[in-house]
Protein backbone atom coordinates (compact mmCIF):
# COMPACT_ATOMS: atom_id res chain seq x y z
CA MET A 1 80.33 99.90 126.44
CA ILE A 2 82.48 101.00 123.48
CA GLY A 3 83.60 104.22 125.78
CA TYR A 4 83.48 101.44 129.13
CA ASP A 5 86.34 99.45 127.73
CA LYS A 6 88.41 102.32 126.49
CA ARG A 7 88.04 103.56 130.12
CA THR A 8 89.22 100.02 131.27
CA ARG A 9 92.23 99.80 128.96
CA THR A 10 92.49 103.43 129.71
CA MET A 11 93.19 102.86 133.86
CA THR A 12 94.13 99.47 133.32
CA ALA A 13 97.45 101.10 131.03
CA TRP A 14 98.33 103.48 133.89
CA LEU A 15 98.19 101.37 136.90
CA LEU A 16 100.42 98.92 134.85
CA LEU A 17 102.45 102.21 134.25
CA LEU A 18 102.20 102.88 137.83
CA PHE A 19 103.74 99.85 139.41
CA ILE A 20 106.53 99.81 136.70
CA GLY A 21 107.35 103.10 138.05
CA THR A 22 107.03 102.51 141.55
CA MET A 23 109.05 99.32 141.58
CA VAL A 24 111.87 100.93 139.74
CA VAL A 25 111.48 103.32 142.11
CA MET A 26 111.62 100.76 144.98
CA ASN A 27 114.90 99.26 143.29
CA VAL A 28 116.60 102.37 142.65
CA LEU A 29 115.95 103.04 146.90
CA THR A 30 117.05 99.18 147.66
CA PRO A 31 120.12 99.39 149.38
CA ASP A 32 121.95 96.31 148.24
CA LYS A 33 122.23 93.03 150.30
CA ASP A 34 125.01 90.89 150.74
CA PHE A 35 122.80 87.57 152.26
CA ALA A 36 119.68 87.01 150.93
CA GLU A 37 118.87 84.94 154.78
CA ALA A 38 115.63 83.05 153.39
CA GLU A 39 118.02 81.18 150.57
CA ASN A 40 120.84 81.03 152.86
CA ARG A 41 123.76 81.75 150.51
CA VAL A 42 125.48 85.07 149.19
CA LEU A 43 123.77 87.46 146.89
CA GLU A 44 124.82 89.13 143.02
CA LYS A 45 127.39 92.19 143.53
CA PRO A 46 127.24 94.73 140.74
CA PRO A 47 129.39 93.50 137.57
CA ALA A 48 132.46 95.78 137.02
CA PHE A 49 132.20 97.18 133.35
CA GLU A 50 134.86 96.44 130.86
CA LEU A 51 134.60 97.15 126.85
CA ARG A 52 136.00 92.80 126.90
CA SER A 53 133.37 91.47 128.85
CA LEU A 54 130.59 93.46 127.16
CA LEU A 55 131.44 92.42 124.01
CA SER A 56 131.90 88.70 125.45
CA GLY A 57 128.56 88.98 126.73
CA THR A 58 129.77 88.17 130.05
CA PHE A 59 129.47 91.25 131.42
CA THR A 60 125.27 91.16 130.26
CA ALA A 61 124.90 87.67 131.84
CA SER A 62 126.33 88.60 134.95
CA TYR A 63 124.43 91.67 135.39
CA GLU A 64 121.28 90.22 135.09
CA ARG A 65 122.23 87.62 138.39
CA TYR A 66 123.22 90.86 140.03
CA VAL A 67 119.33 92.76 138.75
CA SER A 68 117.68 89.36 139.12
CA ASP A 69 119.02 88.82 143.15
CA GLN A 70 118.56 92.77 143.76
CA PHE A 71 114.77 93.11 142.79
CA ALA A 72 112.78 94.58 145.99
CA PHE A 73 111.00 92.08 147.53
CA ARG A 74 112.77 89.79 145.74
CA GLY A 75 111.45 87.22 148.59
CA VAL A 76 107.78 87.88 147.77
CA TRP A 77 108.16 87.37 143.91
CA VAL A 78 109.66 84.14 144.70
CA GLY A 79 107.14 82.71 146.94
CA ILE A 80 104.01 84.06 144.85
CA LYS A 81 105.77 81.84 141.69
CA THR A 82 105.99 78.93 143.71
CA ASP A 83 102.79 79.19 145.17
CA ALA A 84 101.12 79.54 141.58
CA GLU A 85 103.04 76.57 140.47
CA ARG A 86 101.81 74.54 142.85
CA ILE A 87 98.46 75.91 142.05
CA VAL A 88 98.43 74.72 138.53
CA GLY A 89 100.29 71.10 139.94
CA LYS A 90 103.81 72.02 139.22
CA LYS A 91 105.97 69.62 141.29
CA ASP A 92 109.66 70.87 141.22
CA SER A 93 111.34 74.37 141.31
CA ASN A 94 114.85 74.54 141.11
CA GLY A 95 115.91 70.87 141.26
CA VAL A 96 113.65 70.42 144.16
CA TYR A 97 110.91 68.00 143.72
CA LEU A 98 107.80 69.08 146.19
CA GLY A 99 106.91 64.91 147.50
CA GLU A 100 104.07 63.77 149.59
CA ASP A 101 103.85 64.88 153.72
CA GLY A 102 106.09 68.06 152.95
CA TYR A 103 108.98 66.59 152.06
CA LEU A 104 111.20 68.15 149.79
CA PHE A 105 113.51 66.32 147.11
CA GLN A 106 116.81 67.10 145.71
CA HIS A 107 117.75 65.62 142.23
CA PHE A 108 120.47 63.67 141.38
CA THR A 109 121.69 62.66 138.17
CA SER A 110 123.41 59.44 138.07
CA PRO A 111 127.15 60.15 137.05
CA ASN A 112 129.00 58.00 134.25
CA ALA A 113 131.01 55.79 134.42
CA ALA A 114 134.34 57.87 133.77
CA GLU A 115 133.32 60.42 136.89
CA VAL A 116 132.84 57.05 139.05
CA GLU A 117 136.22 56.28 137.72
CA LYS A 118 138.20 59.49 138.66
CA ARG A 119 136.70 59.87 142.21
CA ILE A 120 137.58 55.97 142.56
CA ALA A 121 141.06 56.65 140.98
CA ALA A 122 141.52 59.74 143.38
CA ILE A 123 140.60 57.11 146.65
CA HIS A 124 143.09 54.69 145.71
CA SER A 125 145.96 57.29 144.41
CA PHE A 126 145.51 58.34 148.37
CA HIS A 127 145.32 54.57 149.38
CA ARG A 128 148.93 53.81 147.92
CA ALA A 129 149.93 56.51 149.65
CA THR A 130 148.69 55.97 153.44
CA PRO A 131 149.22 51.59 153.48
CA GLY A 132 149.37 51.78 157.07
CA LEU A 133 146.11 53.83 157.62
CA ASN A 134 142.68 51.42 157.70
CA LYS A 135 140.23 52.96 155.71
CA TYR A 136 136.77 53.35 155.80
CA VAL A 137 134.25 54.30 152.75
CA MET A 138 130.14 55.19 153.66
CA LEU A 139 128.15 57.08 150.69
CA VAL A 140 124.92 57.81 152.28
CA PRO A 141 121.88 57.86 149.98
CA THR A 142 119.26 60.72 149.79
CA SER A 143 116.11 60.85 151.14
CA ALA A 144 114.98 60.60 147.09
CA ALA A 145 115.98 57.01 147.52
CA LEU A 146 114.53 55.87 150.56
CA LEU A 147 111.11 57.52 150.48
CA ALA A 148 111.03 57.17 146.56
CA ASP A 149 107.18 56.15 147.49
CA LYS A 150 106.86 60.19 148.65
CA LEU A 151 107.87 61.41 145.58
CA PRO A 152 105.86 62.95 142.64
CA ALA A 153 104.66 60.53 140.36
CA ASN A 154 106.64 60.46 137.44
CA ALA A 155 110.25 62.55 138.49
CA GLN A 156 112.88 61.92 137.07
CA THR A 157 115.82 61.50 138.87
CA GLY A 158 118.74 59.34 139.04
CA ASN A 159 119.06 55.71 141.41
CA GLU A 160 121.40 56.45 143.49
CA ARG A 161 121.96 52.60 144.76
CA ALA A 162 123.43 51.74 141.70
CA ALA A 163 125.52 55.16 141.78
CA ILE A 164 126.86 53.24 145.42
CA ASN A 165 127.11 49.77 144.08
CA GLN A 166 129.50 51.14 141.49
CA VAL A 167 132.02 52.73 143.81
CA GLN A 168 131.37 49.78 146.23
CA GLN A 169 132.23 47.26 143.22
CA SER A 170 134.91 49.12 141.93
CA LEU A 171 137.05 50.13 145.40
CA ARG A 172 140.09 47.67 146.65
CA SER A 173 138.81 44.77 148.63
CA ASP A 174 141.39 46.51 151.65
CA ILE A 175 139.13 49.45 151.38
CA ARG A 176 136.43 48.30 153.61
CA PHE A 177 133.02 49.93 152.57
CA VAL A 178 130.13 50.68 154.69
CA GLU A 179 126.57 49.76 153.60
CA VAL A 180 124.74 51.84 154.86
CA TYR A 181 121.50 51.83 152.92
CA PRO A 182 120.19 48.66 154.44
CA ALA A 183 120.23 50.41 157.95
CA LEU A 184 118.55 53.18 156.79
CA HIS A 185 115.38 51.00 154.91
CA ASP A 186 115.04 49.48 158.23
CA HIS A 187 114.23 52.49 159.81
CA ARG A 188 112.59 54.24 156.50
CA GLY A 189 109.28 54.36 158.55
CA MET A 190 110.74 56.84 161.18
CA SER A 191 112.30 60.78 160.66
CA ILE A 192 115.73 59.59 159.34
CA TYR A 193 115.92 62.59 156.91
CA TYR A 194 114.65 66.35 157.62
CA LYS A 195 111.75 67.41 155.13
CA THR A 196 113.40 71.04 154.20
CA ASP A 197 116.71 69.97 154.17
CA HIS A 198 118.73 67.74 152.52
CA HIS A 199 121.03 66.54 155.09
CA TRP A 200 119.88 62.86 157.39
CA THR A 201 118.68 63.63 161.24
CA SER A 202 120.32 62.88 164.15
CA THR A 203 118.21 60.05 164.12
CA GLY A 204 119.33 58.90 160.59
CA ALA A 205 123.03 59.77 161.63
CA TYR A 206 122.58 57.35 164.93
CA TYR A 207 121.88 54.34 162.14
CA GLY A 208 124.39 55.15 159.74
CA TYR A 209 127.01 55.09 163.42
CA GLN A 210 125.19 51.63 164.32
CA ALA A 211 126.12 50.73 160.35
CA LEU A 212 130.05 52.40 161.00
CA CYS A 213 130.66 51.00 163.75
CA ARG A 214 129.48 47.20 162.40
CA ARG A 215 132.33 47.08 160.41
CA MET A 216 134.53 49.06 162.07
CA GLY A 217 134.45 46.28 164.93
CA ILE A 218 133.00 48.52 167.60
CA VAL A 219 130.34 47.73 169.60
CA PRO A 220 128.44 50.99 169.32
CA LYS A 221 126.55 52.51 171.99
CA SER A 222 122.78 51.69 172.32
CA GLU A 223 119.92 54.70 172.47
CA ALA A 224 119.81 54.43 176.08
CA ALA A 225 122.83 55.87 176.26
CA PHE A 226 121.77 59.20 175.23
CA ASP A 227 119.42 61.71 176.65
CA ILE A 228 117.94 62.56 173.25
CA ARG A 229 117.15 66.63 173.11
CA GLN A 230 114.71 69.00 171.04
CA ALA A 231 117.05 71.66 170.38
CA THR A 232 114.07 73.30 167.83
CA ASP A 233 111.28 72.82 166.26
CA LYS A 234 111.68 75.93 163.78
CA PHE A 235 114.21 74.58 161.43
CA TYR A 236 113.75 75.45 157.53
CA GLY A 237 116.62 73.35 155.04
CA SER A 238 118.09 74.75 152.43
CA LEU A 239 115.83 72.73 150.27
CA TYR A 240 113.24 74.52 151.54
CA SER A 241 115.94 77.67 150.53
CA LYS A 242 116.57 76.65 147.24
CA SER A 243 113.24 75.93 146.25
CA GLY A 244 111.09 78.70 147.23
CA TYR A 245 108.48 76.21 148.46
CA ARG A 246 106.26 78.49 150.87
CA HIS A 247 103.75 77.53 153.47
CA LEU A 248 105.24 73.94 154.60
CA LYS A 249 105.82 73.15 158.30
CA PRO A 250 109.14 73.57 159.93
CA ASP A 251 111.34 70.25 161.01
CA ARG A 252 112.75 70.20 164.46
CA ILE A 253 116.14 69.44 165.44
CA ASP A 254 117.31 66.70 168.35
CA LEU A 255 120.27 66.23 169.71
CA TYR A 256 121.87 63.14 170.83
CA LEU A 257 123.65 64.01 174.30
CA PRO A 258 125.68 61.39 176.23
CA ARG A 259 123.91 60.57 179.37
CA GLU A 260 127.50 60.05 181.20
CA GLU A 261 130.00 62.63 179.98
CA SER A 262 133.33 62.84 179.53
CA GLN A 263 135.08 66.46 178.98
CA ILE A 264 136.21 66.76 175.04
CA ARG A 265 138.66 69.61 173.34
CA VAL A 266 137.19 70.97 169.88
CA GLU A 267 139.78 73.15 168.43
CA TYR A 268 138.59 74.80 165.11
CA VAL A 269 142.58 75.03 163.99
CA ASP A 270 142.16 77.43 161.00
CA GLU A 271 140.30 79.96 163.08
CA GLY A 272 141.99 79.90 166.19
CA ARG A 273 139.78 78.70 168.62
CA THR A 274 138.62 76.13 171.06
CA THR A 275 135.54 75.08 172.82
CA ASN A 276 134.60 72.01 175.06
CA SER A 277 131.22 71.32 173.02
CA LEU A 278 130.66 69.52 169.27
CA TYR A 279 127.15 71.67 169.45
CA GLU A 280 127.30 75.55 168.57
CA LEU A 281 124.01 76.40 169.57
CA GLU A 282 123.96 80.15 168.91
CA GLN A 283 123.31 78.70 165.77
CA LEU A 284 119.61 77.77 166.27
CA ASN A 285 119.08 81.55 166.15
CA LYS A 286 120.21 81.97 162.71
CA LYS A 287 118.22 80.62 159.50
CA ASP A 288 121.15 77.39 159.19
CA LYS A 289 120.04 76.03 162.04
CA TYR A 290 121.95 72.45 161.53
CA ALA A 291 124.91 74.63 161.75
CA VAL A 292 124.65 73.99 165.06
CA PHE A 293 127.04 70.21 165.02
CA LEU A 294 130.15 71.13 164.27
CA ASN A 295 129.41 74.89 163.80
CA GLY A 296 129.11 73.90 159.86
CA ASN A 297 131.54 73.29 157.91
CA HIS A 298 135.36 74.29 158.33
CA PRO A 299 139.18 72.97 157.10
CA LEU A 300 139.99 71.65 160.25
CA ILE A 301 138.44 70.26 163.33
CA ARG A 302 140.58 68.59 166.03
CA ILE A 303 138.57 66.38 168.74
CA THR A 304 140.24 65.54 171.31
CA MET A 305 139.00 62.98 174.09
CA ALA A 306 140.10 61.49 178.25
CA ASN A 307 139.66 58.73 176.39
CA PRO A 308 142.17 55.68 177.25
CA THR A 309 142.31 53.72 173.90
CA GLY A 310 144.60 56.21 172.26
CA LYS A 311 143.42 55.57 168.38
CA LYS A 312 143.22 58.00 166.49
CA LEU A 313 140.69 58.79 163.55
CA LEU A 314 140.78 61.39 160.23
CA VAL A 315 137.73 61.98 158.55
CA ILE A 316 137.49 62.84 155.25
CA LYS A 317 133.49 64.51 154.98
CA ASP A 318 130.71 66.72 153.31
CA SER A 319 128.32 68.68 155.74
CA TYR A 320 126.94 64.58 156.57
CA ALA A 321 129.47 63.76 158.73
CA ASN A 322 128.31 66.62 160.95
CA SER A 323 125.48 64.77 162.70
CA LEU A 324 127.04 61.65 162.92
CA VAL A 325 131.01 63.31 164.69
CA PRO A 326 129.65 63.09 167.91
CA PHE A 327 128.48 59.09 168.36
CA LEU A 328 132.22 58.35 167.76
CA LEU A 329 134.09 60.55 170.55
CA GLU A 330 133.36 57.14 172.97
CA HIS A 331 134.99 55.02 170.54
CA PHE A 332 138.68 57.77 169.91
CA ALA A 333 141.11 59.83 171.91
CA GLU A 334 141.82 61.86 169.39
CA ILE A 335 139.65 62.91 165.67
CA ASP A 336 140.12 65.03 163.14
CA VAL A 337 137.84 66.26 160.91
CA VAL A 338 138.74 67.43 157.40
CA ASP A 339 136.52 69.34 154.98
CA LEU A 340 138.36 69.09 151.47
CA ARG A 341 136.24 71.81 149.35
CA TYR A 342 138.12 74.76 151.96
CA TYR A 343 141.61 72.43 153.74
CA ASP A 344 144.49 73.87 151.58
CA GLU A 345 147.28 72.37 153.55
CA SER A 346 149.01 69.24 152.99
CA LEU A 347 147.14 66.11 153.14
CA LEU A 348 149.41 63.26 153.55
CA LYS A 349 151.38 65.69 155.88
CA LEU A 350 148.71 65.12 158.45
CA VAL A 351 148.36 61.73 158.21
CA GLU A 352 152.46 61.67 158.43
CA ASP A 353 152.16 64.02 161.68
CA ARG A 354 149.26 62.48 163.66
CA GLN A 355 149.47 59.04 163.36
CA PHE A 356 145.93 58.33 162.70
CA GLN A 357 145.13 54.36 162.78
CA ASP A 358 141.93 54.77 161.12
CA MET A 359 140.30 56.83 158.11
CA ILE A 360 136.42 57.43 157.22
CA ILE A 361 135.62 59.10 154.01
CA LEU A 362 131.96 59.69 154.37
CA TYR A 363 129.72 61.61 151.92
CA ASN A 364 125.68 61.42 151.02
CA VAL A 365 125.95 60.54 147.32
CA HIS A 366 125.21 63.40 146.00
CA THR A 367 127.82 65.60 146.89
CA PHE A 368 130.44 62.71 146.20
CA PHE A 369 129.77 63.10 142.75
CA GLU A 370 128.71 66.99 142.21
CA ASP A 371 131.42 68.25 144.33
CA ILE A 372 135.08 67.41 143.05
CA SER A 373 137.38 68.19 146.17
CA ILE A 374 137.08 64.71 146.35
CA LEU A 375 139.63 64.54 143.71
CA ASN A 376 142.04 66.37 145.73
CA LEU A 377 142.60 62.83 147.13
CA SER A 378 145.43 62.44 144.34
CA GLU A 379 146.52 65.39 143.71
CA VAL A 380 148.10 65.28 147.68
CA THR A 381 150.16 62.39 146.56
CA LYS A 382 152.08 63.63 143.62
């Protein structure tokens, strides 16, 4: 019996050494990858060695991230890890909660008063510099706020509605706030959010469009005015990529196409590319299928329609706006779509040159407080 136990331990040790040796060889032979398709992100490169970075500890930290990113069969190990955590009842991974009905939810941290004030100050600064421009602010709650009943028990996440109310109450009265929460709440039984992605669906964006139109004094188009077509039913979104959760059903993406077609011109200004559609269907063959809307995020997109109103609209936005902008085509002659995360030109000069009548600041509440690019609104006025 003792000899049997010894042979078992010896065999286990040899198998462990064989496994470690195999993984070392695989890591050496496997070429580095630039991009993780499943996680939809750029992977770490080997850091350049410097004595100063070694002594400060930054080299070691960078090298650990590089090894973690480039580890052979990394996607398989990530999947095994999250599967094991699900078995033992763990309901969160990398800041993402696994809820009922296959919904994934991103964690939201409630902002402090200083964070709210900085963003309000930036908006007010730009408002003072552009007094003739009608301004609207829309902060969209994420699925965690509207579908809280599907969150796992004891999930710790901030109060999105309270944060939205803080912004609304802090804005000047001549900056019009668009209350989209009630409209989405009334339709929360519908598929207004993707399950594996942090965005709202085209249906959710449509109800956001209705709320925006009401605030702007515009009559929105009814759903009957659109031909709703399924673009794909194989969409795995950003939360799926970030969390590592697997064995979930993919989402479907629908496009609301106007039944009455009109000619449009879509110019990706920085890239020097022009097309006649707001939808890049080739993106449906890639990982980030949400990029079918406006071909993803760009510094400046200029959309021109054959619309007799002649009104011009400026949209300052994150990616939530990408699926809402198509609904606005019938109401404006020209729409400039600016993403401050990538736009490094003078926004003030753009307003002066283009002579917009209306401006919309449209973000989801998570990005509004997490990303600091909105603060650039104050910098352009200095």
